[in-house]
């Protein structure tokens, strides 16, 4: 059984040395918005997958306990990582707002 990675983003997406062409601020906002949306959808998908296998276990269907625990931990880790990223973004925003102009 292969274990999939638990990642909110692909490291290629955040490579600062990549030679991408210049894009407009609007396109940058769109790309960033799409990135955030896909990351949140990934967290949601992990939560739903965990719920599905947990329900199967509760109903007594043929599902292994370790698969339920792996899905549950994957959902928990992605949610915790998302919350920590959110906290750091808010902290950075607050720090920028405290800067004198």
PDB file of N, CA and C in Angstrom:
ATOM      1  N   UNK A   1       0.842  -1.174   0.000  1.00  0.00           N
ATOM      2  CA  UNK A   1       0.000   0.000   0.000  1.00  0.00           C
ATOM      3  C   UNK A   1       0.888   1.239   0.000  1.00  0.00           C
ATOM      4  N   UNK A   2       0.663   2.127  -0.919  1.00  0.00           N
ATOM      5  CA  UNK A   2       1.439   3.355  -1.020  1.00  0.00           C
ATOM      6  C   UNK A   2       0.813   4.431  -0.148  1.00  0.00           C
ATOM      7  N   UNK A   3       1.649   5.203   0.505  1.00  0.00           N
ATOM      8  CA  UNK A   3       1.182   6.313   1.328  1.00  0.00           C
ATOM      9  C   UNK A   3       1.418   7.595   0.556  1.00  0.00           C
ATOM     10  N   UNK A   4       0.348   8.348   0.351  1.00  0.00           N
ATOM     11  CA  UNK A   4       0.447   9.600  -0.390  1.00  0.00           C
ATOM     12  C   UNK A   4       0.988  10.693   0.517  1.00  0.00           C
ATOM     13  N   UNK A   5       1.587  11.711  -0.087  1.00  0.00           N
ATOM     14  CA  UNK A   5       2.131  12.807   0.701  1.00  0.00           C
ATOM     15  C   UNK A   5       1.014  13.675   1.260  1.00  0.00           C
ATOM     16  N   UNK A   6       1.305  14.304   2.392  1.00  0.00           N
ATOM     17  CA  UNK A   6       0.373  15.223   3.016  1.00  0.00           C
ATOM     18  C   UNK A   6       0.955  16.605   2.836  1.00  0.00           C
ATOM     19  N   UNK A   7       0.548  17.271   1.770  1.00  0.00           N
ATOM     20  CA  UNK A   7       1.119  18.573   1.451  1.00  0.00           C
ATOM     21  C   UNK A   7       0.037  19.510   0.961  1.00  0.00           C
ATOM     22  N   UNK A   8       0.149  20.770   1.380  1.00  0.00           N
ATOM     23  CA  UNK A   8      -0.810  21.766   0.924  1.00  0.00           C
ATOM     24  C   UNK A   8      -0.409  22.360  -0.408  1.00  0.00           C
ATOM     25  N   UNK A   9       0.862  22.221  -0.758  1.00  0.00           N
ATOM     26  CA  UNK A   9       1.326  22.784  -2.016  1.00  0.00           C
ATOM     27  C   UNK A   9       2.487  21.977  -2.538  1.00  0.00           C
ATOM     28  N   UNK A  10       2.712  22.130  -3.794  1.00  0.00           N
ATOM     29  CA  UNK A  10       3.811  21.460  -4.462  1.00  0.00           C
ATOM     30  C   UNK A  10       5.044  22.356  -4.357  1.00  0.00           C
ATOM     31  N   UNK A  11       6.215  21.852  -3.932  1.00  0.00           N
ATOM     32  CA  UNK A  11       7.395  22.714  -3.802  1.00  0.00           C
ATOM     33  C   UNK A  11       7.767  23.456  -5.076  1.00  0.00           C
ATOM     34  N   UNK A  12       7.386  22.938  -6.221  1.00  0.00           N
ATOM     35  CA  UNK A  12       7.675  23.622  -7.477  1.00  0.00           C
ATOM     36  C   UNK A  12       6.912  24.939  -7.547  1.00  0.00           C
ATOM     37  N   UNK A  13       5.746  24.997  -6.908  1.00  0.00           N
ATOM     38  CA  UNK A  13       4.921  26.192  -6.950  1.00  0.00           C
ATOM     39  C   UNK A  13       5.551  27.367  -6.215  1.00  0.00           C
ATOM     40  N   UNK A  14       6.423  27.112  -5.243  1.00  0.00           N
ATOM     41  CA  UNK A  14       6.975  28.201  -4.443  1.00  0.00           C
ATOM     42  C   UNK A  14       8.443  28.450  -4.722  1.00  0.00           C
ATOM     43  N   UNK A  15       8.962  27.919  -5.806  1.00  0.00           N
ATOM     44  CA  UNK A  15      10.373  28.082  -6.138  1.00  0.00           C
ATOM     45  C   UNK A  15      10.635  29.520  -6.585  1.00  0.00           C
ATOM     46  N   UNK A  16      11.379  30.309  -5.774  1.00  0.00           N
ATOM     47  CA  UNK A  16      11.592  31.709  -6.141  1.00  0.00           C
ATOM     48  C   UNK A  16      12.587  31.906  -7.275  1.00  0.00           C
ATOM     49  N   UNK A  17      13.358  30.887  -7.618  1.00  0.00           N
ATOM     50  CA  UNK A  17      14.367  31.042  -8.658  1.00  0.00           C
ATOM     51  C   UNK A  17      13.861  30.665 -10.042  1.00  0.00           C
ATOM     52  N   UNK A  18      12.603  30.271 -10.136  1.00  0.00           N
ATOM     53  CA  UNK A  18      12.085  29.896 -11.448  1.00  0.00           C
ATOM     54  C   UNK A  18      11.994  31.136 -12.337  1.00  0.00           C
ATOM     55  N   UNK A  19      12.218  30.942 -13.607  1.00  0.00           N
ATOM     56  CA  UNK A  19      12.217  32.069 -14.539  1.00  0.00           C
ATOM     57  C   UNK A  19      10.845  32.195 -15.186  1.00  0.00           C
ATOM     58  N   UNK A  20       9.908  32.779 -14.441  1.00  0.00           N
ATOM     59  CA  UNK A  20       8.576  32.993 -14.977  1.00  0.00           C
ATOM     60  C   UNK A  20       8.505  34.380 -15.587  1.00  0.00           C
ATOM     61  N   UNK A  21       7.725  34.541 -16.638  1.00  0.00           N
ATOM     62  CA  UNK A  21       7.600  35.862 -17.250  1.00  0.00           C
ATOM     63  C   UNK A  21       6.885  36.821 -16.314  1.00  0.00           C
ATOM     64  N   UNK A  22       7.102  38.107 -16.526  1.00  0.00           N
ATOM     65  CA  UNK A  22       6.448  39.133 -15.711  1.00  0.00           C
ATOM     66  C   UNK A  22       4.940  39.070 -15.937  1.00  0.00           C
ATOM     67  N   UNK A  23       4.204  39.162 -14.846  1.00  0.00           N
ATOM     68  CA  UNK A  23       2.755  39.151 -14.946  1.00  0.00           C
ATOM     69  C   UNK A  23       2.213  40.414 -14.270  1.00  0.00           C
ATOM     70  N   UNK A  24       1.013  40.768 -14.643  1.00  0.00           N
ATOM     71  CA  UNK A  24       0.400  41.975 -14.094  1.00  0.00           C
ATOM     72  C   UNK A  24      -0.050  41.718 -12.657  1.00  0.00           C
ATOM     73  N   UNK A  25      -0.258  42.785 -11.877  1.00  0.00           N
ATOM     74  CA  UNK A  25      -0.751  42.604 -10.506  1.00  0.00           C
ATOM     75  C   UNK A  25      -2.091  41.867 -10.455  1.00  0.00           C
ATOM     76  N   UNK A  26      -2.945  42.127 -11.439  1.00  0.00           N
ATOM     77  CA  UNK A  26      -4.238  41.438 -11.475  1.00  0.00           C
ATOM     78  C   UNK A  26      -4.044  39.938 -11.650  1.00  0.00           C
ATOM     79  N   UNK A  27      -3.153  39.562 -12.572  1.00  0.00           N
ATOM     80  CA  UNK A  27      -2.888  38.131 -12.792  1.00  0.00           C
ATOM     81  C   UNK A  27      -2.268  37.495 -11.555  1.00  0.00           C
ATOM     82  N   UNK A  28      -1.400  38.242 -10.871  1.00  0.00           N
ATOM     83  CA  UNK A  28      -0.788  37.729  -9.649  1.00  0.00           C
ATOM     84  C   UNK A  28      -1.851  37.489  -8.584  1.00  0.00           C
ATOM     85  N   UNK A  29      -2.800  38.410  -8.463  1.00  0.00           N
ATOM     86  CA  UNK A  29      -3.886  38.238  -7.505  1.00  0.00           C
ATOM     87  C   UNK A  29      -4.737  37.025  -7.863  1.00  0.00           C
ATOM     88  N   UNK A  30      -5.007  36.857  -9.144  1.00  0.00           N
ATOM     89  CA  UNK A  30      -5.796  35.708  -9.591  1.00  0.00           C
ATOM     90  C   UNK A  30      -5.063  34.404  -9.279  1.00  0.00           C
ATOM     91  N   UNK A  31      -3.759  34.367  -9.590  1.00  0.00           N
ATOM     92  CA  UNK A  31      -2.984  33.157  -9.335  1.00  0.00           C
ATOM     93  C   UNK A  31      -2.932  32.839  -7.845  1.00  0.00           C
ATOM     94  N   UNK A  32      -2.729  33.866  -7.023  1.00  0.00           N
ATOM     95  CA  UNK A  32      -2.676  33.659  -5.579  1.00  0.00           C
ATOM     96  C   UNK A  32      -4.029  33.199  -5.062  1.00  0.00           C
ATOM     97  N   UNK A  33      -5.094  33.799  -5.568  1.00  0.00           N
ATOM     98  CA  UNK A  33      -6.435  33.390  -5.170  1.00  0.00           C
ATOM     99  C   UNK A  33      -6.727  31.949  -5.562  1.00  0.00           C
ATOM    100  N   UNK A  34      -6.314  31.574  -6.760  1.00  0.00           N
ATOM    101  CA  UNK A  34      -6.508  30.189  -7.205  1.00  0.00           C
ATOM    102  C   UNK A  34      -5.699  29.215  -6.349  1.00  0.00           C
ATOM    103  N   UNK A  35      -4.485  29.617  -5.970  1.00  0.00           N
ATOM    104  CA  UNK A  35      -3.642  28.775  -5.121  1.00  0.00           C
ATOM    105  C   UNK A  35      -4.297  28.564  -3.761  1.00  0.00           C
ATOM    106  N   UNK A  36      -4.798  29.641  -3.153  1.00  0.00           N
ATOM    107  CA  UNK A  36      -5.459  29.516  -1.853  1.00  0.00           C
ATOM    108  C   UNK A  36      -6.716  28.664  -1.956  1.00  0.00           C
ATOM    109  N   UNK A  37      -7.473  28.874  -3.017  1.00  0.00           N
ATOM    110  CA  UNK A  37      -8.693  28.106  -3.198  1.00  0.00           C
ATOM    111  C   UNK A  37      -8.384  26.611  -3.339  1.00  0.00           C
ATOM    112  N   UNK A  38      -7.367  26.278  -4.122  1.00  0.00           N
ATOM    113  CA  UNK A  38      -7.025  24.860  -4.301  1.00  0.00           C
ATOM    114  C   UNK A  38      -6.493  24.254  -3.007  1.00  0.00           C
ATOM    115  N   UNK A  39      -5.756  25.031  -2.218  1.00  0.00           N
ATOM    116  CA  UNK A  39      -5.247  24.521  -0.942  1.00  0.00           C
ATOM    117  C   UNK A  39      -6.396  24.243   0.020  1.00  0.00           C
ATOM    118  N   UNK A  40      -7.362  25.141   0.083  1.00  0.00           N
ATOM    119  CA  UNK A  40      -8.511  24.944   0.972  1.00  0.00           C
ATOM    120  C   UNK A  40      -9.375  23.785   0.487  1.00  0.00           C
ATOM    121  N   UNK A  41      -9.515  23.652  -0.833  1.00  0.00           N
ATOM    122  CA  UNK A  41     -10.268  22.512  -1.368  1.00  0.00           C
ATOM    123  C   UNK A  41      -9.572  21.195  -1.042  1.00  0.00           C
ATOM    124  N   UNK A  42      -8.246  21.205  -1.034  1.00  0.00           N
ATOM    125  CA  UNK A  42      -7.494  20.003  -0.673  1.00  0.00           C
ATOM    126  C   UNK A  42      -7.737  19.624   0.787  1.00  0.00           C
ATOM    127  N   UNK A  43      -7.737  20.600   1.668  1.00  0.00           N
ATOM    128  CA  UNK A  43      -8.027  20.348   3.087  1.00  0.00           C
ATOM    129  C   UNK A  43      -9.441  19.803   3.231  1.00  0.00           C
ATOM    130  N   UNK A  44     -10.389  20.397   2.532  1.00  0.00           N
ATOM    131  CA  UNK A  44     -11.773  19.945   2.588  1.00  0.00           C
ATOM    132  C   UNK A  44     -11.909  18.517   2.068  1.00  0.00           C
ATOM    133  N   UNK A  45     -11.205  18.205   0.988  1.00  0.00           N
ATOM    134  CA  UNK A  45     -11.266  16.848   0.431  1.00  0.00           C
ATOM    135  C   UNK A  45     -10.722  15.826   1.422  1.00  0.00           C
ATOM    136  N   UNK A  46      -9.636  16.170   2.112  1.00  0.00           N
ATOM    137  CA  UNK A  46      -9.087  15.261   3.120  1.00  0.00           C
ATOM    138  C   UNK A  46     -10.070  15.061   4.270  1.00  0.00           C
ATOM    139  N   UNK A  47     -10.750  16.126   4.685  1.00  0.00           N
ATOM    140  CA  UNK A  47     -11.742  16.011   5.755  1.00  0.00           C
ATOM    141  C   UNK A  47     -12.902  15.111   5.326  1.00  0.00           C
ATOM    142  N   UNK A  48     -13.366  15.302   4.097  1.00  0.00           N
ATOM    143  CA  UNK A  48     -14.474  14.484   3.598  1.00  0.00           C
ATOM    144  C   UNK A  48     -14.071  13.013   3.459  1.00  0.00           C
ATOM    145  N   UNK A  49     -12.855  12.768   2.978  1.00  0.00           N
ATOM    146  CA  UNK A  49     -12.378  11.387   2.834  1.00  0.00           C
ATOM    147  C   UNK A  49     -12.300  10.711   4.202  1.00  0.00           C
ATOM    148  N   UNK A  50     -11.853  11.450   5.198  1.00  0.00           N
ATOM    149  CA  UNK A  50     -11.789  10.914   6.559  1.00  0.00           C
ATOM    150  C   UNK A  50     -13.182  10.586   7.068  1.00  0.00           C
ATOM    151  N   UNK A  51     -14.140  11.472   6.806  1.00  0.00           N
ATOM    152  CA  UNK A  51     -15.524  11.226   7.232  1.00  0.00           C
ATOM    153  C   UNK A  51     -16.109   9.989   6.568  1.00  0.00           C
ATOM    154  N   UNK A  52     -15.807   9.809   5.288  1.00  0.00           N
ATOM    155  CA  UNK A  52     -16.356   8.668   4.542  1.00  0.00           C
ATOM    156  C   UNK A  52     -15.843   7.351   5.111  1.00  0.00           C
ATOM    157  N   UNK A  53     -14.538   7.243   5.318  1.00  0.00           N
ATOM    158  CA  UNK A  53     -14.011   5.969   5.834  1.00  0.00           C
ATOM    159  C   UNK A  53     -14.416   5.744   7.283  1.00  0.00           C
ATOM    160  N   UNK A  54     -14.586   6.805   8.052  1.00  0.00           N
ATOM    161  CA  UNK A  54     -15.058   6.654   9.431  1.00  0.00           C
ATOM    162  C   UNK A  54     -16.490   6.135   9.444  1.00  0.00           C
ATOM    163  N   UNK A  55     -17.320   6.671   8.566  1.00  0.00           N
ATOM    164  CA  UNK A  55     -18.705   6.196   8.460  1.00  0.00           C
ATOM    165  C   UNK A  55     -18.742   4.729   8.039  1.00  0.00           C
ATOM    166  N   UNK A  56     -17.879   4.350   7.112  1.00  0.00           N
ATOM    167  CA  UNK A  56     -17.834   2.948   6.684  1.00  0.00           C
ATOM    168  C   UNK A  56     -17.459   2.040   7.847  1.00  0.00           C
ATOM    169  N   UNK A  57     -16.504   2.472   8.663  1.00  0.00           N
ATOM    170  CA  UNK A  57     -16.094   1.683   9.816  1.00  0.00           C
ATOM    171  C   UNK A  57     -17.236   1.564  10.819  1.00  0.00           C
ATOM    172  N   UNK A  58     -17.944   2.647  11.051  1.00  0.00           N
ATOM    173  CA  UNK A  58     -19.061   2.644  11.997  1.00  0.00           C
ATOM    174  C   UNK A  58     -20.170   1.710  11.525  1.00  0.00           C
ATOM    175  N   UNK A  59     -20.434   1.703  10.209  1.00  0.00           N
ATOM    176  CA  UNK A  59     -21.487   0.845   9.654  1.00  0.00           C
ATOM    177  C   UNK A  59     -21.061  -0.608   9.547  1.00  0.00           C
ATOM    178  N   UNK A  60     -19.803  -0.893   9.816  1.00  0.00           N
ATOM    179  CA  UNK A  60     -19.326  -2.269   9.786  1.00  0.00           C
ATOM    180  C   UNK A  60     -18.942  -2.755   8.410  1.00  0.00           C
ATOM    181  N   UNK A  61     -18.724  -1.836   7.483  1.00  0.00           N
ATOM    182  CA  UNK A  61     -18.314  -2.239   6.147  1.00  0.00           C
ATOM    183  C   UNK A  61     -16.864  -2.715   6.166  1.00  0.00           C
ATOM    184  N   UNK A  62     -16.426  -3.279   5.066  1.00  0.00           N
ATOM    185  CA  UNK A  62     -15.095  -3.849   4.965  1.00  0.00           C
ATOM    186  C   UNK A  62     -14.061  -2.736   4.768  1.00  0.00           C
ATOM    187  N   UNK A  63     -13.570  -2.188   5.868  1.00  0.00           N
ATOM    188  CA  UNK A  63     -12.538  -1.166   5.833  1.00  0.00           C
ATOM    189  C   UNK A  63     -11.582  -1.435   6.998  1.00  0.00           C
ATOM    190  N   UNK A  64     -10.315  -1.273   6.729  1.00  0.00           N
ATOM    191  CA  UNK A  64      -9.308  -1.532   7.747  1.00  0.00           C
ATOM    192  C   UNK A  64      -9.200  -0.361   8.711  1.00  0.00           C
ATOM    193  N   UNK A  65      -8.976  -0.667   9.978  1.00  0.00           N
ATOM    194  CA  UNK A  65      -8.859   0.365  11.001  1.00  0.00           C
ATOM    195  C   UNK A  65      -7.677   1.285  10.730  1.00  0.00           C
ATOM    196  N   UNK A  66      -6.570   0.713  10.244  1.00  0.00           N
ATOM    197  CA  UNK A  66      -5.402   1.562   9.997  1.00  0.00           C
ATOM    198  C   UNK A  66      -5.662   2.549   8.850  1.00  0.00           C
ATOM    199  N   UNK A  67      -6.499   2.163   7.886  1.00  0.00           N
ATOM    200  CA  UNK A  67      -6.857   3.105   6.822  1.00  0.00           C
ATOM    201  C   UNK A  67      -7.676   4.275   7.375  1.00  0.00           C
ATOM    202  N   UNK A  68      -8.553   3.971   8.322  1.00  0.00           N
ATOM    203  CA  UNK A  68      -9.354   5.023   8.957  1.00  0.00           C
ATOM    204  C   UNK A  68      -8.447   5.959   9.742  1.00  0.00           C
ATOM    205  N   UNK A  69      -7.511   5.398  10.483  1.00  0.00           N
ATOM    206  CA  UNK A  69      -6.607   6.223  11.291  1.00  0.00           C
ATOM    207  C   UNK A  69      -5.686   7.070  10.410  1.00  0.00           C
ATOM    208  N   UNK A  70      -5.217   6.508   9.313  1.00  0.00           N
ATOM    209  CA  UNK A  70      -4.352   7.276   8.397  1.00  0.00           C
ATOM    210  C   UNK A  70      -5.138   8.437   7.779  1.00  0.00           C
ATOM    211  N   UNK A  71      -6.357   8.179   7.342  1.00  0.00           N
ATOM    212  CA  UNK A  71      -7.183   9.241   6.765  1.00  0.00           C
ATOM    213  C   UNK A  71      -7.481  10.317   7.798  1.00  0.00           C
ATOM    214  N   UNK A  72      -7.748   9.893   9.018  1.00  0.00           N
ATOM    215  CA  UNK A  72      -8.038  10.843  10.089  1.00  0.00           C
ATOM    216  C   UNK A  72      -6.821  11.710  10.404  1.00  0.00           C
ATOM    217  N   UNK A  73      -5.656  11.099  10.489  1.00  0.00           N
ATOM    218  CA  UNK A  73      -4.442  11.857  10.782  1.00  0.00           C
ATOM    219  C   UNK A  73      -4.068  12.781   9.633  1.00  0.00           C
ATOM    220  N   UNK A  74      -4.268  12.320   8.405  1.00  0.00           N
ATOM    221  CA  UNK A  74      -3.979  13.168   7.246  1.00  0.00           C
ATOM    222  C   UNK A  74      -4.868  14.410   7.269  1.00  0.00           C
ATOM    223  N   UNK A  75      -6.155  14.222   7.573  1.00  0.00           N
ATOM    224  CA  UNK A  75      -7.078  15.350   7.653  1.00  0.00           C
ATOM    225  C   UNK A  75      -6.688  16.288   8.791  1.00  0.00           C
ATOM    226  N   UNK A  76      -6.297  15.722   9.901  1.00  0.00           N
ATOM    227  CA  UNK A  76      -5.901  16.529  11.055  1.00  0.00           C
ATOM    228  C   UNK A  76      -4.637  17.337  10.768  1.00  0.00           C
ATOM    229  N   UNK A  77      -3.665  16.719  10.149  1.00  0.00           N
ATOM    230  CA  UNK A  77      -2.407  17.411   9.847  1.00  0.00           C
ATOM    231  C   UNK A  77      -2.623  18.537   8.853  1.00  0.00           C
ATOM    232  N   UNK A  78      -3.404  18.294   7.814  1.00  0.00           N
ATOM    233  CA  UNK A  78      -3.626  19.353   6.829  1.00  0.00           C
ATOM    234  C   UNK A  78      -4.422  20.509   7.429  1.00  0.00           C
ATOM    235  N   UNK A  79      -5.395  20.199   8.297  1.00  0.00           N
ATOM    236  CA  UNK A  79      -6.162  21.263   8.939  1.00  0.00           C
ATOM    237  C   UNK A  79      -5.275  22.070   9.882  1.00  0.00           C
ATOM    238  N   UNK A  80      -4.445  21.394  10.677  1.00  0.00           N
ATOM    239  CA  UNK A  80      -3.539  22.100  11.590  1.00  0.00           C
ATOM    240  C   UNK A  80      -2.532  22.947  10.830  1.00  0.00           C
ATOM    241  N   UNK A  81      -2.006  22.434   9.730  1.00  0.00           N
ATOM    242  CA  UNK A  81      -1.061  23.213   8.928  1.00  0.00           C
ATOM    243  C   UNK A  81      -1.738  24.449   8.353  1.00  0.00           C
ATOM    244  N   UNK A  82      -2.978  24.298   7.892  1.00  0.00           N
ATOM    245  CA  UNK A  82      -3.728  25.432   7.357  1.00  0.00           C
ATOM    246  C   UNK A  82      -3.961  26.481   8.434  1.00  0.00           C
ATOM    247  N   UNK A  83      -4.306  26.049   9.625  1.00  0.00           N
ATOM    248  CA  UNK A  83      -4.540  26.991  10.724  1.00  0.00           C
ATOM    249  C   UNK A  83      -3.252  27.720  11.108  1.00  0.00           C
ATOM    250  N   UNK A  84      -2.128  27.025  11.115  1.00  0.00           N
ATOM    251  CA  UNK A  84      -0.859  27.669  11.443  1.00  0.00           C
ATOM    252  C   UNK A  84      -0.457  28.686  10.374  1.00  0.00           C
ATOM    253  N   UNK A  85      -0.698  28.348   9.123  1.00  0.00           N
ATOM    254  CA  UNK A  85      -0.399  29.298   8.035  1.00  0.00           C
ATOM    255  C   UNK A  85      -1.282  30.527   8.177  1.00  0.00           C
ATOM    256  N   UNK A  86      -2.555  30.307   8.463  1.00  0.00           N
ATOM    257  CA  UNK A  86      -3.476  31.430   8.669  1.00  0.00           C
ATOM    258  C   UNK A  86      -3.005  32.313   9.821  1.00  0.00           C
ATOM    259  N   UNK A  87      -2.600  31.702  10.922  1.00  0.00           N
ATOM    260  CA  UNK A  87      -2.128  32.467  12.078  1.00  0.00           C
ATOM    261  C   UNK A  87      -0.892  33.290  11.735  1.00  0.00           C
ATOM    262  N   UNK A  88       0.029  32.718  10.972  1.00  0.00           N
ATOM    263  CA  UNK A  88       1.237  33.450  10.590  1.00  0.00           C
ATOM    264  C   UNK A  88       0.919  34.605   9.647  1.00  0.00           C
ATOM    265  N   UNK A  89      -0.023  34.408   8.744  1.00  0.00           N
ATOM    266  CA  UNK A  89      -0.418  35.483   7.829  1.00  0.00           C
ATOM    267  C   UNK A  89      -1.059  36.621   8.612  1.00  0.00           C
ATOM    268  N   UNK A  90      -1.919  36.300   9.550  1.00  0.00           N
ATOM    269  CA  UNK A  90      -2.555  37.339  10.374  1.00  0.00           C
ATOM    270  C   UNK A  90      -1.511  38.065  11.215  1.00  0.00           C
ATOM    271  N   UNK A  91      -0.578  37.317  11.776  1.00  0.00           N
ATOM    272  CA  UNK A  91       0.490  37.926  12.567  1.00  0.00           C
ATOM    273  C   UNK A  91       1.337  38.865  11.709  1.00  0.00           C
ATOM    274  N   UNK A  92       1.666  38.466  10.496  1.00  0.00           N
ATOM    275  CA  UNK A  92       2.447  39.318   9.592  1.00  0.00           C
ATOM    276  C   UNK A  92       1.660  40.564   9.219  1.00  0.00           C
ATOM    277  N   UNK A  93       0.367  40.418   8.955  1.00  0.00           N
ATOM    278  CA  UNK A  93      -0.480  41.562   8.635  1.00  0.00           C
ATOM    279  C   UNK A  93      -0.512  42.552   9.800  1.00  0.00           C
ATOM    280  N   UNK A  94      -0.681  42.041  11.006  1.00  0.00           N
ATOM    281  CA  UNK A  94      -0.723  42.906  12.181  1.00  0.00           C
ATOM    282  C   UNK A  94       0.612  43.622  12.384  1.00  0.00           C
ATOM    283  N   UNK A  95       1.698  42.939  12.122  1.00  0.00           N
ATOM    284  CA  UNK A  95       3.022  43.549  12.252  1.00  0.00           C
ATOM    285  C   UNK A  95       3.193  44.673  11.220  1.00  0.00           C
ATOM    286  N   UNK A  96       2.740  44.449  10.009  1.00  0.00           N
ATOM    287  CA  UNK A  96       2.821  45.479   8.972  1.00  0.00           C
ATOM    288  C   UNK A  96       1.954  46.675   9.358  1.00  0.00           C
ATOM    289  N   UNK A  97       0.795  46.446   9.924  1.00  0.00           N
ATOM    290  CA  UNK A  97      -0.089  47.545  10.313  1.00  0.00           C
ATOM    291  C   UNK A  97       0.498  48.363  11.462  1.00  0.00           C
ATOM    292  N   UNK A  98       1.363  47.773  12.285  1.00  0.00           N
ATOM    293  CA  UNK A  98       1.991  48.500  13.393  1.00  0.00           C
ATOM    294  C   UNK A  98       3.180  49.337  12.945  1.00  0.00           C
ATOM    295  N   UNK A  99       3.642  49.137  11.722  1.00  0.00           N
ATOM    296  CA  UNK A  99       4.803  49.885  11.243  1.00  0.00           C
ATOM    297  C   UNK A  99       4.452  51.361  11.036  1.00  0.00           C
ATOM    298  N   UNK A 100       5.348  52.252  11.461  1.00  0.00           N
ATOM    299  CA  UNK A 100       5.080  53.664  11.221  1.00  0.00           C
ATOM    300  C   UNK A 100       5.278  53.982   9.737  1.00  0.00           C
ATOM    301  N   UNK A 101       4.473  54.919   9.260  1.00  0.00           N
ATOM    302  CA  UNK A 101       4.534  55.283   7.846  1.00  0.00           C
ATOM    303  C   UNK A 101       5.422  56.481   7.640  1.00  0.00           C
TER     304      UNK A 101
END
